[in-house]
């Protein structure tokens, strides 16, 4: 039970901190699944299945948690996308940016985390 729980905690933390946090948690949980099933239980087939399932859980649980959070606590707002561009951050990574105007006239720049 602790291996899937650690995977889900890592995916949720990855939404707020960094993608690399989720990757590290998922890889550690997959390694633990392989060690437990393959090393301690001596079941090679179960080790492969447990490792693949742990990696799939880490891959899909993060976006699912984000969508569930937005459905529960987010609020819908009418807005119009007026411009799209690419922004280069301080690390040199190019990011997509959308400029939106809502019904009150407020202008916001949305990035990848806001589903630009």
C-alpha atoms as a PDB file:
ATOM      1  CA  UNK A   1       0.000   0.000   0.000  1.00  0.00           C
ATOM      2  CA  UNK A   2       2.879   2.375   0.634  1.00  0.00           C
ATOM      3  CA  UNK A   3       4.261   2.161  -2.905  1.00  0.00           C
ATOM      4  CA  UNK A   4       1.122   3.472  -4.696  1.00  0.00           C
ATOM      5  CA  UNK A   5       0.644   6.032  -1.928  1.00  0.00           C
ATOM      6  CA  UNK A   6       4.218   7.315  -2.378  1.00  0.00           C
ATOM      7  CA  UNK A   7       3.629   7.510  -6.135  1.00  0.00           C
ATOM      8  CA  UNK A   8       0.464   9.559  -5.679  1.00  0.00           C
ATOM      9  CA  UNK A   9       2.068  11.869  -3.120  1.00  0.00           C
ATOM     10  CA  UNK A  10       4.980  12.457  -5.496  1.00  0.00           C
ATOM     11  CA  UNK A  11       2.631  13.235  -8.375  1.00  0.00           C
ATOM     12  CA  UNK A  12       0.668  15.734  -6.288  1.00  0.00           C
ATOM     13  CA  UNK A  13       3.848  17.385  -5.007  1.00  0.00           C
ATOM     14  CA  UNK A  14       5.097  17.500  -8.587  1.00  0.00           C
ATOM     15  CA  UNK A  15       2.115  19.660  -9.527  1.00  0.00           C
ATOM     16  CA  UNK A  16       3.096  22.302  -7.003  1.00  0.00           C
ATOM     17  CA  UNK A  17       6.878  22.071  -6.761  1.00  0.00           C
ATOM     18  CA  UNK A  18       8.459  20.727  -9.926  1.00  0.00           C
ATOM     19  CA  UNK A  19       7.994  17.980 -12.463  1.00  0.00           C
ATOM     20  CA  UNK A  20      11.308  16.511 -11.346  1.00  0.00           C
ATOM     21  CA  UNK A  21       9.897  15.898  -7.876  1.00  0.00           C
ATOM     22  CA  UNK A  22       7.203  13.694  -9.406  1.00  0.00           C
ATOM     23  CA  UNK A  23       9.771  11.916 -11.581  1.00  0.00           C
ATOM     24  CA  UNK A  24      12.026  11.161  -8.619  1.00  0.00           C
ATOM     25  CA  UNK A  25       9.105   9.869  -6.534  1.00  0.00           C
ATOM     26  CA  UNK A  26       7.823   7.721  -9.413  1.00  0.00           C
ATOM     27  CA  UNK A  27      11.245   6.230 -10.126  1.00  0.00           C
ATOM     28  CA  UNK A  28      11.878   5.483  -6.444  1.00  0.00           C
ATOM     29  CA  UNK A  29       8.440   3.909  -6.064  1.00  0.00           C
ATOM     30  CA  UNK A  30       8.965   1.816  -9.222  1.00  0.00           C
ATOM     31  CA  UNK A  31      12.332   0.659  -7.918  1.00  0.00           C
ATOM     32  CA  UNK A  32      10.777  -0.277  -4.587  1.00  0.00           C
ATOM     33  CA  UNK A  33       8.007  -2.201  -6.369  1.00  0.00           C
ATOM     34  CA  UNK A  34      10.621  -4.119  -8.346  1.00  0.00           C
ATOM     35  CA  UNK A  35      12.684  -4.820  -5.227  1.00  0.00           C
ATOM     36  CA  UNK A  36       9.711  -6.028  -3.193  1.00  0.00           C
ATOM     37  CA  UNK A  37       8.101  -8.173  -5.900  1.00  0.00           C
ATOM     38  CA  UNK A  38      11.276  -9.441  -7.528  1.00  0.00           C
ATOM     39  CA  UNK A  39      13.777  -9.505  -4.698  1.00  0.00           C
ATOM     40  CA  UNK A  40      11.768 -10.254  -1.594  1.00  0.00           C
ATOM     41  CA  UNK A  41       8.944 -12.315  -3.085  1.00  0.00           C
ATOM     42  CA  UNK A  42      11.050 -13.896  -5.862  1.00  0.00           C
ATOM     43  CA  UNK A  43       8.363 -13.251  -8.488  1.00  0.00           C
ATOM     44  CA  UNK A  44       9.967 -11.879 -11.671  1.00  0.00           C
ATOM     45  CA  UNK A  45       6.694 -11.531 -13.583  1.00  0.00           C
ATOM     46  CA  UNK A  46       5.045  -9.729 -10.691  1.00  0.00           C
ATOM     47  CA  UNK A  47       8.042  -7.394 -10.484  1.00  0.00           C
ATOM     48  CA  UNK A  48       7.623  -6.370 -14.112  1.00  0.00           C
ATOM     49  CA  UNK A  49       3.875  -5.831 -13.712  1.00  0.00           C
ATOM     50  CA  UNK A  50       4.297  -3.912 -10.432  1.00  0.00           C
ATOM     51  CA  UNK A  51       6.978  -1.676 -11.917  1.00  0.00           C
ATOM     52  CA  UNK A  52       4.914  -0.924 -15.035  1.00  0.00           C
ATOM     53  CA  UNK A  53       1.794  -0.266 -12.962  1.00  0.00           C
ATOM     54  CA  UNK A  54       3.687   2.064 -10.635  1.00  0.00           C
ATOM     55  CA  UNK A  55       5.098   4.024 -13.575  1.00  0.00           C
ATOM     56  CA  UNK A  56       1.631   4.255 -15.178  1.00  0.00           C
ATOM     57  CA  UNK A  57       0.143   5.435 -11.899  1.00  0.00           C
ATOM     58  CA  UNK A  58       2.782   8.141 -11.601  1.00  0.00           C
ATOM     59  CA  UNK A  59       2.162   9.229 -15.174  1.00  0.00           C
ATOM     60  CA  UNK A  60      -1.614   9.505 -14.964  1.00  0.00           C
ATOM     61  CA  UNK A  61      -2.379  10.452 -11.373  1.00  0.00           C
ATOM     62  CA  UNK A  62      -0.878  13.986 -11.552  1.00  0.00           C
ATOM     63  CA  UNK A  63      -3.109  15.390 -14.305  1.00  0.00           C
ATOM     64  CA  UNK A  64      -6.118  13.573 -12.852  1.00  0.00           C
ATOM     65  CA  UNK A  65      -5.579  15.137  -9.435  1.00  0.00           C
ATOM     66  CA  UNK A  66      -5.189  18.564 -11.039  1.00  0.00           C
ATOM     67  CA  UNK A  67      -8.437  18.203 -13.010  1.00  0.00           C
ATOM     68  CA  UNK A  68     -10.305  16.935  -9.935  1.00  0.00           C
ATOM     69  CA  UNK A  69      -8.997  19.838  -7.870  1.00  0.00           C
ATOM     70  CA  UNK A  70     -10.099  22.343 -10.499  1.00  0.00           C
ATOM     71  CA  UNK A  71     -13.574  20.785 -10.731  1.00  0.00           C
ATOM     72  CA  UNK A  72     -14.007  20.931  -6.950  1.00  0.00           C
ATOM     73  CA  UNK A  73     -12.463  24.309  -6.124  1.00  0.00           C
ATOM     74  CA  UNK A  74     -12.007  26.172  -9.400  1.00  0.00           C
ATOM     75  CA  UNK A  75     -14.390  28.711 -10.815  1.00  0.00           C
ATOM     76  CA  UNK A  76     -15.362  29.043 -14.431  1.00  0.00           C
ATOM     77  CA  UNK A  77     -14.685  32.398 -16.071  1.00  0.00           C
ATOM     78  CA  UNK A  78     -15.537  33.613 -19.549  1.00  0.00           C
ATOM     79  CA  UNK A  79     -12.448  34.870 -21.341  1.00  0.00           C
ATOM     80  CA  UNK A  80     -11.113  35.529 -24.818  1.00  0.00           C
ATOM     81  CA  UNK A  81      -7.624  34.585 -26.007  1.00  0.00           C
ATOM     82  CA  UNK A  82      -6.271  37.675 -27.764  1.00  0.00           C
ATOM     83  CA  UNK A  83      -2.660  36.687 -28.350  1.00  0.00           C
ATOM     84  CA  UNK A  84      -0.263  33.757 -28.103  1.00  0.00           C
ATOM     85  CA  UNK A  85       3.491  33.947 -27.868  1.00  0.00           C
ATOM     86  CA  UNK A  86       6.615  32.149 -26.700  1.00  0.00           C
ATOM     87  CA  UNK A  87       8.346  33.386 -23.573  1.00  0.00           C
ATOM     88  CA  UNK A  88      11.931  32.501 -22.629  1.00  0.00           C
ATOM     89  CA  UNK A  89      12.378  32.079 -18.882  1.00  0.00           C
ATOM     90  CA  UNK A  90      15.556  32.695 -16.867  1.00  0.00           C
ATOM     91  CA  UNK A  91      16.772  29.126 -17.540  1.00  0.00           C
ATOM     92  CA  UNK A  92      16.479  29.610 -21.286  1.00  0.00           C
ATOM     93  CA  UNK A  93      13.438  27.345 -21.702  1.00  0.00           C
ATOM     94  CA  UNK A  94      10.811  28.451 -24.195  1.00  0.00           C
ATOM     95  CA  UNK A  95       7.287  28.474 -22.757  1.00  0.00           C
ATOM     96  CA  UNK A  96       3.948  29.049 -24.470  1.00  0.00           C
ATOM     97  CA  UNK A  97       2.067  32.067 -23.147  1.00  0.00           C
ATOM     98  CA  UNK A  98      -1.520  33.085 -23.868  1.00  0.00           C
ATOM     99  CA  UNK A  99      -2.856  36.570 -23.212  1.00  0.00           C
ATOM    100  CA  UNK A 100      -6.526  36.465 -22.232  1.00  0.00           C
ATOM    101  CA  UNK A 101      -9.076  39.161 -21.498  1.00  0.00           C
ATOM    102  CA  UNK A 102     -12.006  38.337 -19.232  1.00  0.00           C
ATOM    103  CA  UNK A 103     -15.445  39.961 -19.185  1.00  0.00           C
ATOM    104  CA  UNK A 104     -14.347  42.612 -16.665  1.00  0.00           C
ATOM    105  CA  UNK A 105     -11.567  43.739 -19.011  1.00  0.00           C
ATOM    106  CA  UNK A 106      -8.727  42.366 -16.918  1.00  0.00           C
ATOM    107  CA  UNK A 107      -5.782  41.065 -18.953  1.00  0.00           C
ATOM    108  CA  UNK A 108      -3.816  38.014 -17.775  1.00  0.00           C
ATOM    109  CA  UNK A 109      -0.945  36.025 -19.207  1.00  0.00           C
ATOM    110  CA  UNK A 110      -1.453  32.281 -18.806  1.00  0.00           C
ATOM    111  CA  UNK A 111       1.329  29.741 -19.022  1.00  0.00           C
ATOM    112  CA  UNK A 112       1.486  25.968 -19.410  1.00  0.00           C
ATOM    113  CA  UNK A 113       0.301  25.318 -15.861  1.00  0.00           C
ATOM    114  CA  UNK A 114      -2.873  27.309 -16.535  1.00  0.00           C
ATOM    115  CA  UNK A 115      -3.513  25.235 -19.702  1.00  0.00           C
ATOM    116  CA  UNK A 116      -2.441  27.782 -22.281  1.00  0.00           C
END
